[in-house]
Amino acid sequence: MSQLNEMHVPANLFRGPEGVGGHLTVTDTRVFFNPHSLNVQKDELNIGMDEIEYARERKTWKIIPNGMLLRLKSGQEYKFVLNNRKRIIEFINKKVQSC
């Protein structure tokens, strides 16, 4: 993690059956996922805070407490696995409330 207004952590983003490895960066205005070049799916994910409805904790495989669900106002959902999820979820939800 870096500064107070930006968080940067290793993360996996589930895209279908593939857990795409990369880095998640959360700023005051955006959530950005940059996948590693070794993944099959290499598309970046770039979401504005004003598009997000909420972030919440989730369990991977229904038992492992290491996931985050990011739900957009459009109804689309993104599932991540990451460390420091509680801190990141709180940061996102605080920013979403101020949008």
PDB file of N, CA and C in Angstrom:
ATOM      1  N   MET A   1       0.840  -1.167   0.000  1.00  0.00           N
ATOM      2  CA  MET A   1       0.000   0.000   0.000  1.00  0.00           C
ATOM      3  C   MET A   1       0.889   1.234   0.000  1.00  0.00           C
ATOM      4  N   SER A   2       0.368   2.259  -0.625  1.00  0.00           N
ATOM      5  CA  SER A   2       1.158   3.471  -0.692  1.00  0.00           C
ATOM      6  C   SER A   2       0.527   4.577   0.140  1.00  0.00           C
ATOM      7  N   GLN A   3       0.232   5.726  -0.442  1.00  0.00           N
ATOM      8  CA  GLN A   3      -0.240   6.880   0.288  1.00  0.00           C
ATOM      9  C   GLN A   3      -1.654   6.701   0.823  1.00  0.00           C
ATOM     10  N   LEU A   4      -2.094   7.701   1.612  1.00  0.00           N
ATOM     11  CA  LEU A   4      -3.434   7.666   2.187  1.00  0.00           C
ATOM     12  C   LEU A   4      -4.527   7.736   1.128  1.00  0.00           C
ATOM     13  N   ASN A   5      -4.303   8.447   0.040  1.00  0.00           N
ATOM     14  CA  ASN A   5      -5.316   8.605  -0.990  1.00  0.00           C
ATOM     15  C   ASN A   5      -5.201   7.584  -2.111  1.00  0.00           C
ATOM     16  N   GLU A   6      -4.366   6.590  -1.923  1.00  0.00           N
ATOM     17  CA  GLU A   6      -4.202   5.531  -2.920  1.00  0.00           C
ATOM     18  C   GLU A   6      -3.763   4.255  -2.230  1.00  0.00           C
ATOM     19  N   MET A   7      -4.369   3.138  -2.637  1.00  0.00           N
ATOM     20  CA  MET A   7      -3.986   1.826  -2.104  1.00  0.00           C
ATOM     21  C   MET A   7      -3.616   0.948  -3.297  1.00  0.00           C
ATOM     22  N   HIS A   8      -2.582   0.148  -3.105  1.00  0.00           N
ATOM     23  CA  HIS A   8      -2.080  -0.703  -4.178  1.00  0.00           C
ATOM     24  C   HIS A   8      -1.733  -2.061  -3.563  1.00  0.00           C
ATOM     25  N   VAL A   9      -2.433  -3.118  -4.006  1.00  0.00           N
ATOM     26  CA  VAL A   9      -2.204  -4.449  -3.442  1.00  0.00           C
ATOM     27  C   VAL A   9      -2.237  -5.517  -4.546  1.00  0.00           C
ATOM     28  N   PRO A  10      -1.508  -6.621  -4.342  1.00  0.00           N
ATOM     29  CA  PRO A  10      -1.666  -7.764  -5.243  1.00  0.00           C
ATOM     30  C   PRO A  10      -3.085  -8.300  -5.102  1.00  0.00           C
ATOM     31  N   ALA A  11      -3.667  -8.753  -6.202  1.00  0.00           N
ATOM     32  CA  ALA A  11      -5.039  -9.254  -6.165  1.00  0.00           C
ATOM     33  C   ALA A  11      -5.283 -10.218  -7.318  1.00  0.00           C
ATOM     34  N   ASN A  12      -6.325 -11.014  -7.173  1.00  0.00           N
ATOM     35  CA  ASN A  12      -6.829 -11.847  -8.253  1.00  0.00           C
ATOM     36  C   ASN A  12      -8.252 -11.394  -8.548  1.00  0.00           C
ATOM     37  N   LEU A  13      -8.596 -11.311  -9.821  1.00  0.00           N
ATOM     38  CA  LEU A  13      -9.939 -10.973 -10.267  1.00  0.00           C
ATOM     39  C   LEU A  13     -10.508 -12.197 -10.965  1.00  0.00           C
ATOM     40  N   PHE A  14     -11.661 -12.668 -10.500  1.00  0.00           N
ATOM     41  CA  PHE A  14     -12.285 -13.828 -11.150  1.00  0.00           C
ATOM     42  C   PHE A  14     -12.979 -13.385 -12.424  1.00  0.00           C
ATOM     43  N   ARG A  15     -12.545 -13.993 -13.519  1.00  0.00           N
ATOM     44  CA  ARG A  15     -13.172 -13.783 -14.825  1.00  0.00           C
ATOM     45  C   ARG A  15     -13.538 -15.161 -15.348  1.00  0.00           C
ATOM     46  N   GLY A  16     -14.796 -15.538 -15.110  1.00  0.00           N
ATOM     47  CA  GLY A  16     -15.208 -16.896 -15.432  1.00  0.00           C
ATOM     48  C   GLY A  16     -14.436 -17.862 -14.557  1.00  0.00           C
ATOM     49  N   PRO A  17     -13.911 -18.933 -15.121  1.00  0.00           N
ATOM     50  CA  PRO A  17     -13.180 -19.909 -14.310  1.00  0.00           C
ATOM     51  C   PRO A  17     -11.755 -19.475 -13.956  1.00  0.00           C
ATOM     52  N   GLU A  18     -11.276 -18.421 -14.592  1.00  0.00           N
ATOM     53  CA  GLU A  18      -9.893 -18.002 -14.373  1.00  0.00           C
ATOM     54  C   GLU A  18      -9.795 -16.966 -13.259  1.00  0.00           C
ATOM     55  N   GLY A  19      -8.877 -17.197 -12.328  1.00  0.00           N
ATOM     56  CA  GLY A  19      -8.507 -16.204 -11.334  1.00  0.00           C
ATOM     57  C   GLY A  19      -7.333 -15.428 -11.911  1.00  0.00           C
ATOM     58  N   VAL A  20      -7.608 -14.259 -12.445  1.00  0.00           N
ATOM     59  CA  VAL A  20      -6.589 -13.458 -13.130  1.00  0.00           C
ATOM     60  C   VAL A  20      -5.742 -12.732 -12.089  1.00  0.00           C
ATOM     61  N   GLY A  21      -4.457 -13.017 -12.059  1.00  0.00           N
ATOM     62  CA  GLY A  21      -3.554 -12.385 -11.103  1.00  0.00           C
ATOM     63  C   GLY A  21      -3.091 -11.028 -11.587  1.00  0.00           C
ATOM     64  N   GLY A  22      -2.899 -10.117 -10.641  1.00  0.00           N
ATOM     65  CA  GLY A  22      -2.421  -8.786 -11.002  1.00  0.00           C
ATOM     66  C   GLY A  22      -2.349  -7.885  -9.785  1.00  0.00           C
ATOM     67  N   HIS A  23      -2.530  -6.599 -10.009  1.00  0.00           N
ATOM     68  CA  HIS A  23      -2.496  -5.607  -8.933  1.00  0.00           C
ATOM     69  C   HIS A  23      -3.750  -4.746  -8.978  1.00  0.00           C
ATOM     70  N   LEU A  24      -4.280  -4.465  -7.803  1.00  0.00           N
ATOM     71  CA  LEU A  24      -5.439  -3.601  -7.655  1.00  0.00           C
ATOM     72  C   LEU A  24      -4.975  -2.275  -7.077  1.00  0.00           C
ATOM     73  N   THR A  25      -5.341  -1.200  -7.745  1.00  0.00           N
ATOM     74  CA  THR A  25      -5.041   0.137  -7.264  1.00  0.00           C
ATOM     75  C   THR A  25      -6.362   0.851  -7.031  1.00  0.00           C
ATOM     76  N   VAL A  26      -6.514   1.405  -5.842  1.00  0.00           N
ATOM     77  CA  VAL A  26      -7.722   2.145  -5.489  1.00  0.00           C
ATOM     78  C   VAL A  26      -7.301   3.569  -5.150  1.00  0.00           C
ATOM     79  N   THR A  27      -7.899   4.537  -5.846  1.00  0.00           N
ATOM     80  CA  THR A  27      -7.605   5.949  -5.596  1.00  0.00           C
ATOM     81  C   THR A  27      -8.883   6.642  -5.131  1.00  0.00           C
ATOM     82  N   ASP A  28      -8.813   7.931  -4.953  1.00  0.00           N
ATOM     83  CA  ASP A  28      -9.998   8.707  -4.577  1.00  0.00           C
ATOM     84  C   ASP A  28     -11.095   8.640  -5.637  1.00  0.00           C
ATOM     85  N   THR A  29     -10.728   8.386  -6.873  1.00  0.00           N
ATOM     86  CA  THR A  29     -11.690   8.457  -7.973  1.00  0.00           C
ATOM     87  C   THR A  29     -11.880   7.167  -8.767  1.00  0.00           C
ATOM     88  N   ARG A  30     -10.980   6.179  -8.599  1.00  0.00           N
ATOM     89  CA  ARG A  30     -11.026   4.989  -9.453  1.00  0.00           C
ATOM     90  C   ARG A  30     -10.617   3.720  -8.719  1.00  0.00           C
ATOM     91  N   VAL A  31     -11.107   2.598  -9.259  1.00  0.00           N
ATOM     92  CA  VAL A  31     -10.610   1.263  -8.906  1.00  0.00           C
ATOM     93  C   VAL A  31     -10.033   0.713 -10.204  1.00  0.00           C
ATOM     94  N   PHE A  32      -8.758   0.347 -10.168  1.00  0.00           N
ATOM     95  CA  PHE A  32      -8.061  -0.081 -11.374  1.00  0.00           C
ATOM     96  C   PHE A  32      -7.380  -1.419 -11.116  1.00  0.00           C
ATOM     97  N   PHE A  33      -7.645  -2.407 -11.982  1.00  0.00           N
ATOM     98  CA  PHE A  33      -6.989  -3.709 -11.891  1.00  0.00           C
ATOM     99  C   PHE A  33      -6.126  -3.893 -13.121  1.00  0.00           C
ATOM    100  N   ASN A  34      -4.847  -4.171 -12.881  1.00  0.00           N
ATOM    101  CA  ASN A  34      -3.884  -4.378 -13.953  1.00  0.00           C
ATOM    102  C   ASN A  34      -3.376  -5.820 -13.866  1.00  0.00           C
ATOM    103  N   PRO A  35      -3.777  -6.700 -14.812  1.00  0.00           N
ATOM    104  CA  PRO A  35      -3.352  -8.096 -14.757  1.00  0.00           C
ATOM    105  C   PRO A  35      -1.886  -8.290 -15.149  1.00  0.00           C
ATOM    106  N   HIS A  36      -1.306  -9.356 -14.602  1.00  0.00           N
ATOM    107  CA  HIS A  36       0.050  -9.747 -15.002  1.00  0.00           C
ATOM    108  C   HIS A  36       0.021 -10.189 -16.465  1.00  0.00           C
ATOM    109  N   SER A  37       1.134 -10.072 -17.142  1.00  0.00           N
ATOM    110  CA  SER A  37       1.212 -10.434 -18.564  1.00  0.00           C
ATOM    111  C   SER A  37       1.121 -11.941 -18.805  1.00  0.00           C
ATOM    112  N   LEU A  38       1.281 -12.763 -17.783  1.00  0.00           N
ATOM    113  CA  LEU A  38       1.241 -14.220 -17.960  1.00  0.00           C
ATOM    114  C   LEU A  38      -0.172 -14.788 -17.979  1.00  0.00           C
ATOM    115  N   ASN A  39      -1.187 -13.980 -17.684  1.00  0.00           N
ATOM    116  CA  ASN A  39      -2.570 -14.451 -17.678  1.00  0.00           C
ATOM    117  C   ASN A  39      -3.089 -14.656 -19.096  1.00  0.00           C
ATOM    118  N   VAL A  40      -4.084 -15.525 -19.232  1.00  0.00           N
ATOM    119  CA  VAL A  40      -4.762 -15.701 -20.510  1.00  0.00           C
ATOM    120  C   VAL A  40      -5.589 -14.448 -20.812  1.00  0.00           C
ATOM    121  N   GLN A  41      -6.330 -13.974 -19.805  1.00  0.00           N
ATOM    122  CA  GLN A  41      -7.139 -12.769 -19.951  1.00  0.00           C
ATOM    123  C   GLN A  41      -6.334 -11.575 -19.438  1.00  0.00           C
ATOM    124  N   LYS A  42      -6.017 -10.669 -20.315  1.00  0.00           N
ATOM    125  CA  LYS A  42      -5.099  -9.582 -19.969  1.00  0.00           C
ATOM    126  C   LYS A  42      -5.749  -8.203 -19.976  1.00  0.00           C
ATOM    127  N   ASP A  43      -7.065  -8.141 -20.087  1.00  0.00           N
ATOM    128  CA  ASP A  43      -7.743  -6.842 -20.128  1.00  0.00           C
ATOM    129  C   ASP A  43      -7.713  -6.177 -18.762  1.00  0.00           C
ATOM    130  N   GLU A  44      -7.412  -4.883 -18.765  1.00  0.00           N
ATOM    131  CA  GLU A  44      -7.443  -4.100 -17.537  1.00  0.00           C
ATOM    132  C   GLU A  44      -8.894  -3.810 -17.164  1.00  0.00           C
ATOM    133  N   LEU A  45      -9.113  -3.489 -15.902  1.00  0.00           N
ATOM    134  CA  LEU A  45     -10.431  -3.087 -15.410  1.00  0.00           C
ATOM    135  C   LEU A  45     -10.264  -1.710 -14.790  1.00  0.00           C
ATOM    136  N   ASN A  46     -11.070  -0.763 -15.222  1.00  0.00           N
ATOM    137  CA  ASN A  46     -10.956   0.617 -14.772  1.00  0.00           C
ATOM    138  C   ASN A  46     -12.367   1.132 -14.465  1.00  0.00           C
ATOM    139  N   ILE A  47     -12.676   1.330 -13.191  1.00  0.00           N
ATOM    140  CA  ILE A  47     -14.022   1.698 -12.769  1.00  0.00           C
ATOM    141  C   ILE A  47     -13.977   2.998 -11.978  1.00  0.00           C
ATOM    142  N   GLY A  48     -14.816   3.937 -12.334  1.00  0.00           N
ATOM    143  CA  GLY A  48     -14.926   5.189 -11.589  1.00  0.00           C
ATOM    144  C   GLY A  48     -15.691   4.972 -10.293  1.00  0.00           C
ATOM    145  N   MET A  49     -15.310   5.683  -9.250  1.00  0.00           N
ATOM    146  CA  MET A  49     -16.016   5.565  -7.960  1.00  0.00           C
ATOM    147  C   MET A  49     -17.497   5.882  -8.107  1.00  0.00           C
ATOM    148  N   ASP A  50     -17.838   6.777  -9.031  1.00  0.00           N
ATOM    149  CA  ASP A  50     -19.236   7.143  -9.221  1.00  0.00           C
ATOM    150  C   ASP A  50     -20.058   6.032  -9.862  1.00  0.00           C
ATOM    151  N   GLU A  51     -19.414   4.972 -10.356  1.00  0.00           N
ATOM    152  CA  GLU A  51     -20.100   3.817 -10.939  1.00  0.00           C
ATOM    153  C   GLU A  51     -20.386   2.729  -9.910  1.00  0.00           C
ATOM    154  N   ILE A  52     -19.747   2.816  -8.742  1.00  0.00           N
ATOM    155  CA  ILE A  52     -19.806   1.749  -7.744  1.00  0.00           C
ATOM    156  C   ILE A  52     -20.977   1.954  -6.790  1.00  0.00           C
ATOM    157  N   GLU A  53     -21.731   0.885  -6.569  1.00  0.00           N
ATOM    158  CA  GLU A  53     -22.811   0.913  -5.575  1.00  0.00           C
ATOM    159  C   GLU A  53     -22.243   0.624  -4.186  1.00  0.00           C
ATOM    160  N   TYR A  54     -21.432  -0.436  -4.084  1.00  0.00           N
ATOM    161  CA  TYR A  54     -20.786  -0.768  -2.809  1.00  0.00           C
ATOM    162  C   TYR A  54     -19.714  -1.835  -3.014  1.00  0.00           C
ATOM    163  N   ALA A  55     -18.907  -2.001  -1.976  1.00  0.00           N
ATOM    164  CA  ALA A  55     -17.949  -3.103  -1.881  1.00  0.00           C
ATOM    165  C   ALA A  55     -18.267  -3.834  -0.586  1.00  0.00           C
ATOM    166  N   ARG A  56     -18.105  -5.154  -0.591  1.00  0.00           N
ATOM    167  CA  ARG A  56     -18.345  -5.912   0.637  1.00  0.00           C
ATOM    168  C   ARG A  56     -17.462  -7.156   0.666  1.00  0.00           C
ATOM    169  N   GLU A  57     -17.337  -7.711   1.863  1.00  0.00           N
ATOM    170  CA  GLU A  57     -16.564  -8.938   2.025  1.00  0.00           C
ATOM    171  C   GLU A  57     -17.326 -10.099   1.409  1.00  0.00           C
ATOM    172  N   ARG A  58     -16.565 -11.090   0.932  1.00  0.00           N
ATOM    173  CA  ARG A  58     -17.144 -12.340   0.444  1.00  0.00           C
ATOM    174  C   ARG A  58     -16.175 -13.463   0.737  1.00  0.00           C
ATOM    175  N   LYS A  59     -16.674 -14.671   0.688  1.00  0.00           N
ATOM    176  CA  LYS A  59     -15.826 -15.844   0.910  1.00  0.00           C
ATOM    177  C   LYS A  59     -15.547 -16.525  -0.419  1.00  0.00           C
ATOM    178  N   THR A  60     -14.295 -16.891  -0.609  1.00  0.00           N
ATOM    179  CA  THR A  60     -13.901 -17.665  -1.780  1.00  0.00           C
ATOM    180  C   THR A  60     -14.223 -19.126  -1.499  1.00  0.00           C
ATOM    181  N   TRP A  61     -14.797 -19.805  -2.475  1.00  0.00           N
ATOM    182  CA  TRP A  61     -15.209 -21.200  -2.325  1.00  0.00           C
ATOM    183  C   TRP A  61     -16.182 -21.369  -1.159  1.00  0.00           C
ATOM    184  N   LYS A  62     -16.864 -20.295  -0.776  1.00  0.00           N
ATOM    185  CA  LYS A  62     -17.878 -20.260   0.280  1.00  0.00           C
ATOM    186  C   LYS A  62     -17.332 -20.505   1.678  1.00  0.00           C
ATOM    187  N   ILE A  63     -15.999 -20.630   1.822  1.00  0.00           N
ATOM    188  CA  ILE A  63     -15.435 -20.887   3.153  1.00  0.00           C
ATOM    189  C   ILE A  63     -14.213 -20.037   3.497  1.00  0.00           C
ATOM    190  N   ILE A  64     -13.502 -19.529   2.496  1.00  0.00           N
ATOM    191  CA  ILE A  64     -12.249 -18.809   2.757  1.00  0.00           C
ATOM    192  C   ILE A  64     -12.541 -17.299   2.809  1.00  0.00           C
ATOM    193  N   PRO A  65     -12.334 -16.649   3.949  1.00  0.00           N
ATOM    194  CA  PRO A  65     -12.671 -15.228   4.099  1.00  0.00           C
ATOM    195  C   PRO A  65     -11.584 -14.294   3.553  1.00  0.00           C
ATOM    196  N   ASN A  66     -11.403 -14.315   2.237  1.00  0.00           N
ATOM    197  CA  ASN A  66     -10.363 -13.467   1.637  1.00  0.00           C
ATOM    198  C   ASN A  66     -10.843 -12.726   0.393  1.00  0.00           C
ATOM    199  N   GLY A  67     -12.139 -12.670   0.191  1.00  0.00           N
ATOM    200  CA  GLY A  67     -12.662 -12.076  -1.031  1.00  0.00           C
ATOM    201  C   GLY A  67     -13.339 -10.737  -0.832  1.00  0.00           C
ATOM    202  N   MET A  68     -13.480 -10.027  -1.947  1.00  0.00           N
ATOM    203  CA  MET A  68     -14.201  -8.767  -1.977  1.00  0.00           C
ATOM    204  C   MET A  68     -15.130  -8.785  -3.179  1.00  0.00           C
ATOM    205  N   LEU A  69     -16.364  -8.375  -2.966  1.00  0.00           N
ATOM    206  CA  LEU A  69     -17.329  -8.216  -4.035  1.00  0.00           C
ATOM    207  C   LEU A  69     -17.485  -6.726  -4.297  1.00  0.00           C
ATOM    208  N   LEU A  70     -17.341  -6.338  -5.547  1.00  0.00           N
ATOM    209  CA  LEU A  70     -17.524  -4.956  -5.956  1.00  0.00           C
ATOM    210  C   LEU A  70     -18.757  -4.925  -6.837  1.00  0.00           C
ATOM    211  N   ARG A  71     -19.810  -4.246  -6.379  1.00  0.00           N
ATOM    212  CA  ARG A  71     -21.061  -4.171  -7.140  1.00  0.00           C
ATOM    213  C   ARG A  71     -21.231  -2.772  -7.718  1.00  0.00           C
ATOM    214  N   LEU A  72     -21.494  -2.745  -9.024  1.00  0.00           N
ATOM    215  CA  LEU A  72     -21.706  -1.475  -9.707  1.00  0.00           C
ATOM    216  C   LEU A  72     -23.186  -1.105  -9.695  1.00  0.00           C
ATOM    217  N   LYS A  73     -23.480   0.161  -9.898  1.00  0.00           N
ATOM    218  CA  LYS A  73     -24.862   0.632  -9.956  1.00  0.00           C
ATOM    219  C   LYS A  73     -25.624  -0.027 -11.097  1.00  0.00           C
ATOM    220  N   SER A  74     -24.920  -0.476 -12.117  1.00  0.00           N
ATOM    221  CA  SER A  74     -25.526  -1.165 -13.262  1.00  0.00           C
ATOM    222  C   SER A  74     -25.954  -2.587 -12.910  1.00  0.00           C
ATOM    223  N   GLY A  75     -25.529  -3.091 -11.742  1.00  0.00           N
ATOM    224  CA  GLY A  75     -25.830  -4.466 -11.340  1.00  0.00           C
ATOM    225  C   GLY A  75     -24.682  -5.426 -11.607  1.00  0.00           C
ATOM    226  N   GLN A  76     -23.707  -5.010 -12.377  1.00  0.00           N
ATOM    227  CA  GLN A  76     -22.549  -5.857 -12.659  1.00  0.00           C
ATOM    228  C   GLN A  76     -21.719  -6.028 -11.394  1.00  0.00           C
ATOM    229  N   GLU A  77     -21.171  -7.225 -11.215  1.00  0.00           N
ATOM    230  CA  GLU A  77     -20.370  -7.522 -10.030  1.00  0.00           C
ATOM    231  C   GLU A  77     -18.998  -8.046 -10.424  1.00  0.00           C
ATOM    232  N   TYR A  78     -18.009  -7.704  -9.608  1.00  0.00           N
ATOM    233  CA  TYR A  78     -16.643  -8.187  -9.788  1.00  0.00           C
ATOM    234  C   TYR A  78     -16.198  -8.822  -8.482  1.00  0.00           C
ATOM    235  N   LYS A  79     -15.568  -9.988  -8.586  1.00  0.00           N
ATOM    236  CA  LYS A  79     -15.106 -10.728  -7.413  1.00  0.00           C
ATOM    237  C   LYS A  79     -13.587 -10.769  -7.406  1.00  0.00           C
ATOM    238  N   PHE A  80     -13.029 -10.340  -6.275  1.00  0.00           N
ATOM    239  CA  PHE A  80     -11.585 -10.289  -6.098  1.00  0.00           C
ATOM    240  C   PHE A  80     -11.165 -11.133  -4.908  1.00  0.00           C
ATOM    241  N   VAL A  81      -9.911 -11.560  -4.929  1.00  0.00           N
ATOM    242  CA  VAL A  81      -9.232 -12.127  -3.765  1.00  0.00           C
ATOM    243  C   VAL A  81      -8.051 -11.211  -3.499  1.00  0.00           C
ATOM    244  N   LEU A  82      -7.927 -10.740  -2.252  1.00  0.00           N
ATOM    245  CA  LEU A  82      -6.850  -9.814  -1.928  1.00  0.00           C
ATOM    246  C   LEU A  82      -6.585  -9.788  -0.432  1.00  0.00           C
ATOM    247  N   ASN A  83      -5.403  -9.334  -0.086  1.00  0.00           N
ATOM    248  CA  ASN A  83      -5.053  -9.109   1.315  1.00  0.00           C
ATOM    249  C   ASN A  83      -5.548  -7.722   1.710  1.00  0.00           C
ATOM    250  N   ASN A  84      -5.664  -7.493   3.004  1.00  0.00           N
ATOM    251  CA  ASN A  84      -6.110  -6.189   3.523  1.00  0.00           C
ATOM    252  C   ASN A  84      -7.484  -5.798   2.996  1.00  0.00           C
ATOM    253  N   ARG A  85      -8.339  -6.786   2.768  1.00  0.00           N
ATOM    254  CA  ARG A  85      -9.632  -6.487   2.147  1.00  0.00           C
ATOM    255  C   ARG A  85     -10.488  -5.559   2.987  1.00  0.00           C
ATOM    256  N   LYS A  86     -10.449  -5.725   4.311  1.00  0.00           N
ATOM    257  CA  LYS A  86     -11.289  -4.877   5.163  1.00  0.00           C
ATOM    258  C   LYS A  86     -10.931  -3.398   4.973  1.00  0.00           C
ATOM    259  N   ARG A  87      -9.657  -3.113   4.961  1.00  0.00           N
ATOM    260  CA  ARG A  87      -9.184  -1.741   4.791  1.00  0.00           C
ATOM    261  C   ARG A  87      -9.560  -1.174   3.420  1.00  0.00           C
ATOM    262  N   ILE A  88      -9.453  -1.994   2.395  1.00  0.00           N
ATOM    263  CA  ILE A  88      -9.775  -1.561   1.039  1.00  0.00           C
ATOM    264  C   ILE A  88     -11.281  -1.373   0.881  1.00  0.00           C
ATOM    265  N   ILE A  89     -12.063  -2.282   1.420  1.00  0.00           N
ATOM    266  CA  ILE A  89     -13.522  -2.165   1.362  1.00  0.00           C
ATOM    267  C   ILE A  89     -13.980  -0.889   2.065  1.00  0.00           C
ATOM    268  N   GLU A  90     -13.438  -0.617   3.237  1.00  0.00           N
ATOM    269  CA  GLU A  90     -13.792   0.608   3.966  1.00  0.00           C
ATOM    270  C   GLU A  90     -13.417   1.848   3.151  1.00  0.00           C
ATOM    271  N   PHE A  91     -12.245   1.822   2.536  1.00  0.00           N
ATOM    272  CA  PHE A  91     -11.777   2.956   1.720  1.00  0.00           C
ATOM    273  C   PHE A  91     -12.738   3.186   0.549  1.00  0.00           C
ATOM    274  N   ILE A  92     -13.086   2.118  -0.179  1.00  0.00           N
ATOM    275  CA  ILE A  92     -13.989   2.239  -1.334  1.00  0.00           C
ATOM    276  C   ILE A  92     -15.347   2.754  -0.888  1.00  0.00           C
ATOM    277  N   ASN A  93     -15.926   2.138   0.141  1.00  0.00           N
ATOM    278  CA  ASN A  93     -17.262   2.541   0.565  1.00  0.00           C
ATOM    279  C   ASN A  93     -17.305   3.988   1.056  1.00  0.00           C
ATOM    280  N   LYS A  94     -16.255   4.433   1.701  1.00  0.00           N
ATOM    281  CA  LYS A  94     -16.188   5.821   2.132  1.00  0.00           C
ATOM    282  C   LYS A  94     -16.170   6.764   0.923  1.00  0.00           C
ATOM    283  N   LYS A  95     -15.384   6.410  -0.091  1.00  0.00           N
ATOM    284  CA  LYS A  95     -15.311   7.232  -1.305  1.00  0.00           C
ATOM    285  C   LYS A  95     -16.633   7.209  -2.080  1.00  0.00           C
ATOM    286  N   VAL A  96     -17.290   6.037  -2.126  1.00  0.00           N
ATOM    287  CA  VAL A  96     -18.560   5.897  -2.829  1.00  0.00           C
ATOM    288  C   VAL A  96     -19.628   6.773  -2.170  1.00  0.00           C
ATOM    289  N   GLN A  97     -19.643   6.822  -0.860  1.00  0.00           N
ATOM    290  CA  GLN A  97     -20.635   7.624  -0.134  1.00  0.00           C
ATOM    291  C   GLN A  97     -20.470   9.111  -0.414  1.00  0.00           C
ATOM    292  N   SER A  98     -19.260   9.538  -0.716  1.00  0.00           N
ATOM    293  CA  SER A  98     -19.017  10.966  -0.959  1.00  0.00           C
ATOM    294  C   SER A  98     -19.237  11.363  -2.431  1.00  0.00           C
ATOM    295  N   CYS A  99     -19.522  10.380  -3.284  1.00  0.00           N
ATOM    296  CA  CYS A  99     -19.768  10.691  -4.721  1.00  0.00           C
ATOM    297  C   CYS A  99     -21.184  11.212  -4.936  1.00  0.00           C
TER     298      CYS A  99
END
